[in-house]
Amino acid sequence: MPIKSKAQRRKFAELLVKGEISPETFEEWNRGAGDAELPERVHPKTTKSKRKSPSKRAAKATSSRAKPTRTKSGTAKSGRRTAKKR
């Protein structure tokens, strides 16, 4: 099976220097590629796409209203304190 990219060629050359593959194996794979111009990588690394919606943290920070919180009894409790009526 021939080498398909420059990155693979570098990796196999490294393995040859370490002695993990034989020179015959390296030559066989390298010869299979011929003298063609190889790409840097077979599958280029993909970049993460940017989020289209704002993050949850940013959405919370921009919220101007305080949301009611639940108490242990299950009733809604207002976020604001109100003055007691006398």
Protein backbone atom coordinates (compact mmCIF):
# COMPACT_ATOMS: atom_id res chain seq x y z
CA MET A 1 0.00 0.00 0.00
CA PRO A 2 1.61 3.31 -1.01
CA ILE A 3 2.14 6.35 1.17
CA LYS A 4 -0.65 8.87 0.57
CA SER A 5 0.66 12.08 2.16
CA LYS A 6 3.77 13.96 3.26
CA ALA A 7 2.77 13.41 6.88
CA GLN A 8 2.70 9.63 6.34
CA ARG A 9 6.09 9.77 4.65
CA ARG A 10 7.56 11.64 7.64
CA LYS A 11 6.00 9.13 10.07
CA PHE A 12 7.41 6.13 8.21
CA ALA A 13 10.83 7.79 8.00
CA GLU A 14 10.69 8.29 11.78
CA LEU A 15 9.76 4.62 12.30
CA LEU A 16 12.66 3.62 10.03
CA VAL A 17 15.13 5.66 12.09
CA LYS A 18 13.77 4.14 15.34
CA GLY A 19 14.17 0.68 13.81
CA GLU A 20 10.50 -0.21 14.15
CA ILE A 21 10.18 -1.01 10.40
CA SER A 22 12.71 -2.46 8.00
CA PRO A 23 14.32 -0.42 5.21
CA GLU A 24 12.69 -2.77 2.68
CA THR A 25 9.23 -1.98 4.04
CA PHE A 26 9.90 1.76 3.91
CA GLU A 27 11.19 1.55 0.34
CA GLU A 28 8.22 -0.56 -0.76
CA TRP A 29 5.72 1.96 0.61
CA ASN A 30 7.68 4.98 -0.59
CA ARG A 31 8.14 3.50 -4.08
CA GLY A 32 4.39 2.93 -4.33
CA ALA A 33 3.80 6.68 -4.07
CA GLY A 34 6.24 7.37 -6.88
CA ASP A 35 7.48 10.89 -7.49
CA ALA A 36 3.99 12.40 -7.40
CA GLU A 37 3.40 15.60 -5.42
CA LEU A 38 1.70 14.43 -2.23
CA PRO A 39 -0.69 16.54 -0.15
CA GLU A 40 0.39 17.57 3.36
CA ARG A 41 -2.40 15.48 4.91
CA VAL A 42 -4.91 13.02 3.43
CA HIS A 43 -7.82 14.45 5.46
CA PRO A 44 -7.20 18.04 6.54
CA LYS A 45 -8.15 18.80 10.13
CA THR A 46 -11.59 20.34 10.40
CA THR A 47 -12.15 23.49 12.39
CA LYS A 48 -14.94 23.80 14.91
CA SER A 49 -17.89 25.78 13.62
CA LYS A 50 -18.81 28.92 15.49
CA ARG A 51 -21.99 28.89 17.52
CA LYS A 52 -24.90 30.64 15.89
CA SER A 53 -26.75 31.30 19.14
CA PRO A 54 -25.24 33.06 22.14
CA SER A 55 -24.02 30.89 24.97
CA LYS A 56 -26.22 30.23 27.98
CA ARG A 57 -23.91 32.19 30.23
CA ALA A 58 -24.07 35.26 27.96
CA ALA A 59 -27.86 34.97 27.75
CA LYS A 60 -28.15 34.94 31.55
CA ALA A 61 -25.90 37.96 31.91
CA THR A 62 -27.99 40.02 29.49
CA SER A 63 -31.29 39.14 31.17
CA SER A 64 -32.61 42.20 33.03
CA ARG A 65 -35.50 40.56 34.86
CA ALA A 66 -35.02 38.42 37.93
CA LYS A 67 -36.68 35.05 37.53
CA PRO A 68 -38.76 33.74 40.44
CA THR A 69 -37.14 30.94 42.40
CA ARG A 70 -38.88 27.92 43.87
CA THR A 71 -39.09 27.40 47.62
CA LYS A 72 -39.15 24.06 49.40
CA SER A 73 -42.95 24.10 49.47
CA GLY A 74 -43.04 24.41 45.67
CA THR A 75 -44.48 27.90 45.46
CA ALA A 76 -42.82 30.64 43.46
CA LYS A 77 -40.90 33.25 45.39
CA SER A 78 -40.26 36.65 43.86
CA GLY A 79 -36.67 37.73 43.38
CA ARG A 80 -37.45 41.24 44.65
CA ARG A 81 -38.21 42.21 48.21
CA THR A 82 -41.34 44.19 48.76
CA ALA A 83 -42.17 46.48 51.65
CA LYS A 84 -44.57 44.95 54.13
CA LYS A 85 -47.96 46.57 54.35
CA ARG A 86 -48.97 47.73 57.85
